Amino acid sequence: MTPRARAPWISVVVATLGGVALGLGIGRIFHRPTVGSALLALIGIVLLWWAISEPRKATPGTPESETDGSHTVE
């Protein structure tokens, strides 16, 4: 599936889930630090990163653009 074929609402849903996970993780870290809360915060960061970087791959002219058939190294 090409990046252009993905629906933009997927990025919105993933960003929302990432924001919730990050917020819960950080909140739990300040209340009672555990490995699970740190992992939840890390998952939130990864989801937010994906939601931000994914649309850039489909935008021509950005360094991450894959519209010409190339792939970026991540």
PDB file of N, CA and C in Angstrom:
ATOM      1  N   MET A   1       0.849  -1.167   0.000  1.00  0.00           N
ATOM      2  CA  MET A   1       0.000   0.000   0.000  1.00  0.00           C
ATOM      3  C   MET A   1       0.898   1.235   0.000  1.00  0.00           C
ATOM      4  N   THR A   2       0.661   2.139  -0.885  1.00  0.00           N
ATOM      5  CA  THR A   2       1.460   3.351  -0.962  1.00  0.00           C
ATOM      6  C   THR A   2       1.013   4.325   0.114  1.00  0.00           C
ATOM      7  N   PRO A   3       1.922   5.209   0.547  1.00  0.00           N
ATOM      8  CA  PRO A   3       1.541   6.190   1.567  1.00  0.00           C
ATOM      9  C   PRO A   3       0.375   7.068   1.140  1.00  0.00           C
ATOM     10  N   ARG A   4       0.238   7.330  -0.148  1.00  0.00           N
ATOM     11  CA  ARG A   4      -0.837   8.188  -0.633  1.00  0.00           C
ATOM     12  C   ARG A   4      -2.199   7.518  -0.460  1.00  0.00           C
ATOM     13  N   ALA A   5      -2.236   6.183  -0.439  1.00  0.00           N
ATOM     14  CA  ALA A   5      -3.505   5.466  -0.372  1.00  0.00           C
ATOM     15  C   ALA A   5      -4.073   5.412   1.050  1.00  0.00           C
ATOM     16  N   ARG A   6      -3.278   5.743   2.059  1.00  0.00           N
ATOM     17  CA  ARG A   6      -3.774   5.698   3.434  1.00  0.00           C
ATOM     18  C   ARG A   6      -4.701   6.871   3.699  1.00  0.00           C
ATOM     19  N   ALA A   7      -5.736   6.618   4.461  1.00  0.00           N
ATOM     20  CA  ALA A   7      -6.688   7.665   4.802  1.00  0.00           C
ATOM     21  C   ALA A   7      -6.096   8.580   5.875  1.00  0.00           C
ATOM     22  N   PRO A   8      -6.337   9.890   5.779  1.00  0.00           N
ATOM     23  CA  PRO A   8      -5.765  10.810   6.773  1.00  0.00           C
ATOM     24  C   PRO A   8      -6.343  10.608   8.174  1.00  0.00           C
ATOM     25  N   TRP A   9      -7.520  10.034   8.281  1.00  0.00           N
ATOM     26  CA  TRP A   9      -8.115   9.848   9.611  1.00  0.00           C
ATOM     27  C   TRP A   9      -7.331   8.838  10.436  1.00  0.00           C
ATOM     28  N   ILE A  10      -6.575   7.962   9.778  1.00  0.00           N
ATOM     29  CA  ILE A  10      -5.764   6.992  10.524  1.00  0.00           C
ATOM     30  C   ILE A  10      -4.705   7.721  11.346  1.00  0.00           C
ATOM     31  N   SER A  11      -4.084   8.734  10.759  1.00  0.00           N
ATOM     32  CA  SER A  11      -3.088   9.503  11.494  1.00  0.00           C
ATOM     33  C   SER A  11      -3.716  10.241  12.669  1.00  0.00           C
ATOM     34  N   VAL A  12      -4.927  10.720  12.502  1.00  0.00           N
ATOM     35  CA  VAL A  12      -5.615  11.420  13.587  1.00  0.00           C
ATOM     36  C   VAL A  12      -5.915  10.459  14.736  1.00  0.00           C
ATOM     37  N   VAL A  13      -6.405   9.267  14.411  1.00  0.00           N
ATOM     38  CA  VAL A  13      -6.714   8.277  15.441  1.00  0.00           C
ATOM     39  C   VAL A  13      -5.442   7.844  16.172  1.00  0.00           C
ATOM     40  N   VAL A  14      -4.376   7.591  15.421  1.00  0.00           N
ATOM     41  CA  VAL A  14      -3.121   7.156  16.031  1.00  0.00           C
ATOM     42  C   VAL A  14      -2.542   8.273  16.899  1.00  0.00           C
ATOM     43  N   ALA A  15      -2.623   9.522  16.435  1.00  0.00           N
ATOM     44  CA  ALA A  15      -2.119  10.639  17.239  1.00  0.00           C
ATOM     45  C   ALA A  15      -2.923  10.796  18.525  1.00  0.00           C
ATOM     46  N   THR A  16      -4.224  10.598  18.447  1.00  0.00           N
ATOM     47  CA  THR A  16      -5.060  10.687  19.644  1.00  0.00           C
ATOM     48  C   THR A  16      -4.706   9.586  20.637  1.00  0.00           C
ATOM     49  N   LEU A  17      -4.586   8.357  20.138  1.00  0.00           N
ATOM     50  CA  LEU A  17      -4.202   7.250  21.017  1.00  0.00           C
ATOM     51  C   LEU A  17      -2.800   7.467  21.604  1.00  0.00           C
ATOM     52  N   GLY A  18      -1.899   7.985  20.802  1.00  0.00           N
ATOM     53  CA  GLY A  18      -0.548   8.266  21.283  1.00  0.00           C
ATOM     54  C   GLY A  18      -0.541   9.349  22.352  1.00  0.00           C
ATOM     55  N   GLY A  19      -1.341  10.381  22.160  1.00  0.00           N
ATOM     56  CA  GLY A  19      -1.432  11.443  23.159  1.00  0.00           C
ATOM     57  C   GLY A  19      -2.014  10.949  24.470  1.00  0.00           C
ATOM     58  N   VAL A  20      -3.046  10.105  24.378  1.00  0.00           N
ATOM     59  CA  VAL A  20      -3.642   9.529  25.587  1.00  0.00           C
ATOM     60  C   VAL A  20      -2.634   8.631  26.297  1.00  0.00           C
ATOM     61  N   ALA A  21      -1.962   7.774  25.543  1.00  0.00           N
ATOM     62  CA  ALA A  21      -0.972   6.872  26.149  1.00  0.00           C
ATOM     63  C   ALA A  21       0.168   7.657  26.788  1.00  0.00           C
ATOM     64  N   LEU A  22       0.644   8.693  26.113  1.00  0.00           N
ATOM     65  CA  LEU A  22       1.727   9.505  26.670  1.00  0.00           C
ATOM     66  C   LEU A  22       1.263  10.226  27.940  1.00  0.00           C
ATOM     67  N   GLY A  23       0.070  10.792  27.886  1.00  0.00           N
ATOM     68  CA  GLY A  23      -0.455  11.494  29.061  1.00  0.00           C
ATOM     69  C   GLY A  23      -0.645  10.573  30.254  1.00  0.00           C
ATOM     70  N   LEU A  24      -1.216   9.402  30.012  1.00  0.00           N
ATOM     71  CA  LEU A  24      -1.401   8.442  31.098  1.00  0.00           C
ATOM     72  C   LEU A  24      -0.056   7.958  31.638  1.00  0.00           C
ATOM     73  N   GLY A  25       0.868   7.695  30.739  1.00  0.00           N
ATOM     74  CA  GLY A  25       2.187   7.227  31.165  1.00  0.00           C
ATOM     75  C   GLY A  25       2.912   8.256  32.003  1.00  0.00           C
ATOM     76  N   ILE A  26       2.918   9.505  31.561  1.00  0.00           N
ATOM     77  CA  ILE A  26       3.592  10.561  32.321  1.00  0.00           C
ATOM     78  C   ILE A  26       2.880  10.802  33.646  1.00  0.00           C
ATOM     79  N   GLY A  27       1.553  10.786  33.616  1.00  0.00           N
ATOM     80  CA  GLY A  27       0.800  10.966  34.854  1.00  0.00           C
ATOM     81  C   GLY A  27       1.093   9.875  35.862  1.00  0.00           C
ATOM     82  N   ARG A  28       1.182   8.653  35.403  1.00  0.00           N
ATOM     83  CA  ARG A  28       1.492   7.546  36.305  1.00  0.00           C
ATOM     84  C   ARG A  28       2.934   7.581  36.786  1.00  0.00           C
ATOM     85  N   ILE A  29       3.845   8.080  35.949  1.00  0.00           N
ATOM     86  CA  ILE A  29       5.245   8.197  36.368  1.00  0.00           C
ATOM     87  C   ILE A  29       5.352   9.156  37.552  1.00  0.00           C
ATOM     88  N   PHE A  30       4.621  10.279  37.511  1.00  0.00           N
ATOM     89  CA  PHE A  30       4.685  11.244  38.600  1.00  0.00           C
ATOM     90  C   PHE A  30       3.923  10.764  39.841  1.00  0.00           C
ATOM     91  N   HIS A  31       2.925   9.915  39.656  1.00  0.00           N
ATOM     92  CA  HIS A  31       2.160   9.407  40.798  1.00  0.00           C
ATOM     93  C   HIS A  31       2.866   8.221  41.449  1.00  0.00           C
ATOM     94  N   ARG A  32       3.147   7.206  40.648  1.00  0.00           N
ATOM     95  CA  ARG A  32       3.847   6.016  41.152  1.00  0.00           C
ATOM     96  C   ARG A  32       4.693   5.464  40.009  1.00  0.00           C
ATOM     97  N   PRO A  33       5.984   5.766  40.001  1.00  0.00           N
ATOM     98  CA  PRO A  33       6.839   5.324  38.894  1.00  0.00           C
ATOM     99  C   PRO A  33       6.970   3.797  38.830  1.00  0.00           C
ATOM    100  N   THR A  34       6.624   3.262  37.687  1.00  0.00           N
ATOM    101  CA  THR A  34       6.782   1.832  37.445  1.00  0.00           C
ATOM    102  C   THR A  34       7.302   1.641  36.028  1.00  0.00           C
ATOM    103  N   VAL A  35       7.724   0.425  35.743  1.00  0.00           N
ATOM    104  CA  VAL A  35       8.184   0.104  34.392  1.00  0.00           C
ATOM    105  C   VAL A  35       7.011   0.198  33.422  1.00  0.00           C
ATOM    106  N   GLY A  36       5.831  -0.212  33.855  1.00  0.00           N
ATOM    107  CA  GLY A  36       4.648  -0.157  32.992  1.00  0.00           C
ATOM    108  C   GLY A  36       4.278   1.259  32.592  1.00  0.00           C
ATOM    109  N   SER A  37       4.396   2.197  33.530  1.00  0.00           N
ATOM    110  CA  SER A  37       4.076   3.583  33.201  1.00  0.00           C
ATOM    111  C   SER A  37       5.112   4.167  32.241  1.00  0.00           C
ATOM    112  N   ALA A  38       6.365   3.805  32.415  1.00  0.00           N
ATOM    113  CA  ALA A  38       7.398   4.264  31.484  1.00  0.00           C
ATOM    114  C   ALA A  38       7.184   3.654  30.101  1.00  0.00           C
ATOM    115  N   LEU A  39       6.774   2.391  30.065  1.00  0.00           N
ATOM    116  CA  LEU A  39       6.505   1.732  28.792  1.00  0.00           C
ATOM    117  C   LEU A  39       5.302   2.369  28.096  1.00  0.00           C
ATOM    118  N   LEU A  40       4.275   2.721  28.863  1.00  0.00           N
ATOM    119  CA  LEU A  40       3.106   3.382  28.293  1.00  0.00           C
ATOM    120  C   LEU A  40       3.477   4.740  27.704  1.00  0.00           C
ATOM    121  N   ALA A  41       4.319   5.490  28.397  1.00  0.00           N
ATOM    122  CA  ALA A  41       4.782   6.774  27.883  1.00  0.00           C
ATOM    123  C   ALA A  41       5.611   6.586  26.612  1.00  0.00           C
ATOM    124  N   LEU A  42       6.444   5.563  26.589  1.00  0.00           N
ATOM    125  CA  LEU A  42       7.255   5.281  25.404  1.00  0.00           C
ATOM    126  C   LEU A  42       6.382   4.899  24.214  1.00  0.00           C
ATOM    127  N   ILE A  43       5.367   4.094  24.455  1.00  0.00           N
ATOM    128  CA  ILE A  43       4.433   3.721  23.381  1.00  0.00           C
ATOM    129  C   ILE A  43       3.734   4.968  22.847  1.00  0.00           C
ATOM    130  N   GLY A  44       3.345   5.864  23.743  1.00  0.00           N
ATOM    131  CA  GLY A  44       2.721   7.115  23.310  1.00  0.00           C
ATOM    132  C   GLY A  44       3.638   7.952  22.435  1.00  0.00           C
ATOM    133  N   ILE A  45       4.918   8.015  22.799  1.00  0.00           N
ATOM    134  CA  ILE A  45       5.887   8.774  22.000  1.00  0.00           C
ATOM    135  C   ILE A  45       6.040   8.151  20.613  1.00  0.00           C
ATOM    136  N   VAL A  46       6.114   6.835  20.553  1.00  0.00           N
ATOM    137  CA  VAL A  46       6.268   6.147  19.261  1.00  0.00           C
ATOM    138  C   VAL A  46       5.042   6.374  18.384  1.00  0.00           C
ATOM    139  N   LEU A  47       3.861   6.282  18.963  1.00  0.00           N
ATOM    140  CA  LEU A  47       2.640   6.495  18.180  1.00  0.00           C
ATOM    141  C   LEU A  47       2.553   7.930  17.671  1.00  0.00           C
ATOM    142  N   LEU A  48       2.896   8.892  18.506  1.00  0.00           N
ATOM    143  CA  LEU A  48       2.885  10.284  18.058  1.00  0.00           C
ATOM    144  C   LEU A  48       3.921  10.523  16.960  1.00  0.00           C
ATOM    145  N   TRP A  49       5.099   9.921  17.107  1.00  0.00           N
ATOM    146  CA  TRP A  49       6.126  10.071  16.072  1.00  0.00           C
ATOM    147  C   TRP A  49       5.627   9.511  14.736  1.00  0.00           C
ATOM    148  N   TRP A  50       4.989   8.344  14.786  1.00  0.00           N
ATOM    149  CA  TRP A  50       4.491   7.735  13.558  1.00  0.00           C
ATOM    150  C   TRP A  50       3.414   8.616  12.928  1.00  0.00           C
ATOM    151  N   ALA A  51       2.507   9.127  13.746  1.00  0.00           N
ATOM    152  CA  ALA A  51       1.407   9.939  13.220  1.00  0.00           C
ATOM    153  C   ALA A  51       1.915  11.225  12.580  1.00  0.00           C
ATOM    154  N   ILE A  52       3.031  11.751  13.078  1.00  0.00           N
ATOM    155  CA  ILE A  52       3.581  12.980  12.503  1.00  0.00           C
ATOM    156  C   ILE A  52       4.418  12.682  11.268  1.00  0.00           C
ATOM    157  N   SER A  53       5.208  11.617  11.290  1.00  0.00           N
ATOM    158  CA  SER A  53       6.119  11.352  10.177  1.00  0.00           C
ATOM    159  C   SER A  53       5.427  10.683   8.993  1.00  0.00           C
ATOM    160  N   GLU A  54       4.379   9.926   9.220  1.00  0.00           N
ATOM    161  CA  GLU A  54       3.722   9.195   8.134  1.00  0.00           C
ATOM    162  C   GLU A  54       3.166  10.116   7.044  1.00  0.00           C
ATOM    163  N   PRO A  55       2.431  11.197   7.371  1.00  0.00           N
ATOM    164  CA  PRO A  55       1.948  12.075   6.293  1.00  0.00           C
ATOM    165  C   PRO A  55       3.070  12.759   5.522  1.00  0.00           C
ATOM    166  N   ARG A  56       4.214  12.986   6.175  1.00  0.00           N
ATOM    167  CA  ARG A  56       5.325  13.626   5.469  1.00  0.00           C
ATOM    168  C   ARG A  56       5.885  12.735   4.365  1.00  0.00           C
ATOM    169  N   LYS A  57       5.776  11.426   4.531  1.00  0.00           N
ATOM    170  CA  LYS A  57       6.270  10.512   3.501  1.00  0.00           C
ATOM    171  C   LYS A  57       5.445  10.613   2.224  1.00  0.00           C
ATOM    172  N   ALA A  58       4.188  11.024   2.350  1.00  0.00           N
ATOM    173  CA  ALA A  58       3.313  11.129   1.188  1.00  0.00           C
ATOM    174  C   ALA A  58       3.301  12.537   0.594  1.00  0.00           C
ATOM    175  N   THR A  59       4.009  13.473   1.213  1.00  0.00           N
ATOM    176  CA  THR A  59       4.033  14.848   0.739  1.00  0.00           C
ATOM    177  C   THR A  59       5.254  15.062  -0.158  1.00  0.00           C
ATOM    178  N   PRO A  60       5.047  15.349  -1.443  1.00  0.00           N
ATOM    179  CA  PRO A  60       6.181  15.583  -2.330  1.00  0.00           C
ATOM    180  C   PRO A  60       6.993  16.799  -1.884  1.00  0.00           C
ATOM    181  N   GLY A  61       8.285  16.701  -2.007  1.00  0.00           N
ATOM    182  CA  GLY A  61       9.163  17.817  -1.694  1.00  0.00           C
ATOM    183  C   GLY A  61       9.747  17.788  -0.295  1.00  0.00           C
ATOM    184  N   THR A  62       9.285  16.888   0.560  1.00  0.00           N
ATOM    185  CA  THR A  62       9.878  16.778   1.890  1.00  0.00           C
ATOM    186  C   THR A  62      11.022  15.768   1.837  1.00  0.00           C
ATOM    187  N   PRO A  63      11.993  15.888   2.733  1.00  0.00           N
ATOM    188  CA  PRO A  63      13.117  14.948   2.705  1.00  0.00           C
ATOM    189  C   PRO A  63      12.693  13.493   2.888  1.00  0.00           C
ATOM    190  N   GLU A  64      11.570  13.279   3.577  1.00  0.00           N
ATOM    191  CA  GLU A  64      11.106  11.920   3.837  1.00  0.00           C
ATOM    192  C   GLU A  64      10.202  11.379   2.731  1.00  0.00           C
ATOM    193  N   SER A  65       9.980  12.141   1.681  1.00  0.00           N
ATOM    194  CA  SER A  65       9.026  11.778   0.643  1.00  0.00           C
ATOM    195  C   SER A  65       9.379  10.452  -0.027  1.00  0.00           C
ATOM    196  N   GLU A  66       8.384   9.596  -0.169  1.00  0.00           N
ATOM    197  CA  GLU A  66       8.546   8.319  -0.865  1.00  0.00           C
ATOM    198  C   GLU A  66       7.658   8.266  -2.104  1.00  0.00           C
ATOM    199  N   THR A  67       7.236   9.421  -2.600  1.00  0.00           N
ATOM    200  CA  THR A  67       6.329   9.447  -3.738  1.00  0.00           C
ATOM    201  C   THR A  67       6.994   9.017  -5.042  1.00  0.00           C
ATOM    202  N   ASP A  68       8.333   9.043  -5.092  1.00  0.00           N
ATOM    203  CA  ASP A  68       9.033   8.656  -6.316  1.00  0.00           C
ATOM    204  C   ASP A  68       9.409   7.172  -6.329  1.00  0.00           C
ATOM    205  N   GLY A  69       8.940   6.417  -5.336  1.00  0.00           N
ATOM    206  CA  GLY A  69       9.233   4.983  -5.287  1.00  0.00           C
ATOM    207  C   GLY A  69      10.406   4.639  -4.400  1.00  0.00           C
ATOM    208  N   SER A  70      11.129   5.647  -3.898  1.00  0.00           N
ATOM    209  CA  SER A  70      12.256   5.371  -3.006  1.00  0.00           C
ATOM    210  C   SER A  70      11.738   5.150  -1.584  1.00  0.00           C
ATOM    211  N   HIS A  71      12.625   4.705  -0.721  1.00  0.00           N
ATOM    212  CA  HIS A  71      12.272   4.479   0.677  1.00  0.00           C
ATOM    213  C   HIS A  71      13.309   5.142   1.562  1.00  0.00           C
ATOM    214  N   THR A  72      12.855   5.704   2.674  1.00  0.00           N
ATOM    215  CA  THR A  72      13.781   6.318   3.618  1.00  0.00           C
ATOM    216  C   THR A  72      14.271   5.256   4.586  1.00  0.00           C
ATOM    217  N   VAL A  73      15.440   5.469   5.137  1.00  0.00           N
ATOM    218  CA  VAL A  73      16.003   4.573   6.127  1.00  0.00           C
ATOM    219  C   VAL A  73      15.597   5.098   7.494  1.00  0.00           C
ATOM    220  N   GLU A  74      14.910   4.257   8.242  1.00  0.00           N
ATOM    221  CA  GLU A  74      14.447   4.688   9.574  1.00  0.00           C
ATOM    222  C   GLU A  74      15.041   3.841  10.634  1.00  0.00           C
TER     223      GLU A  74
END
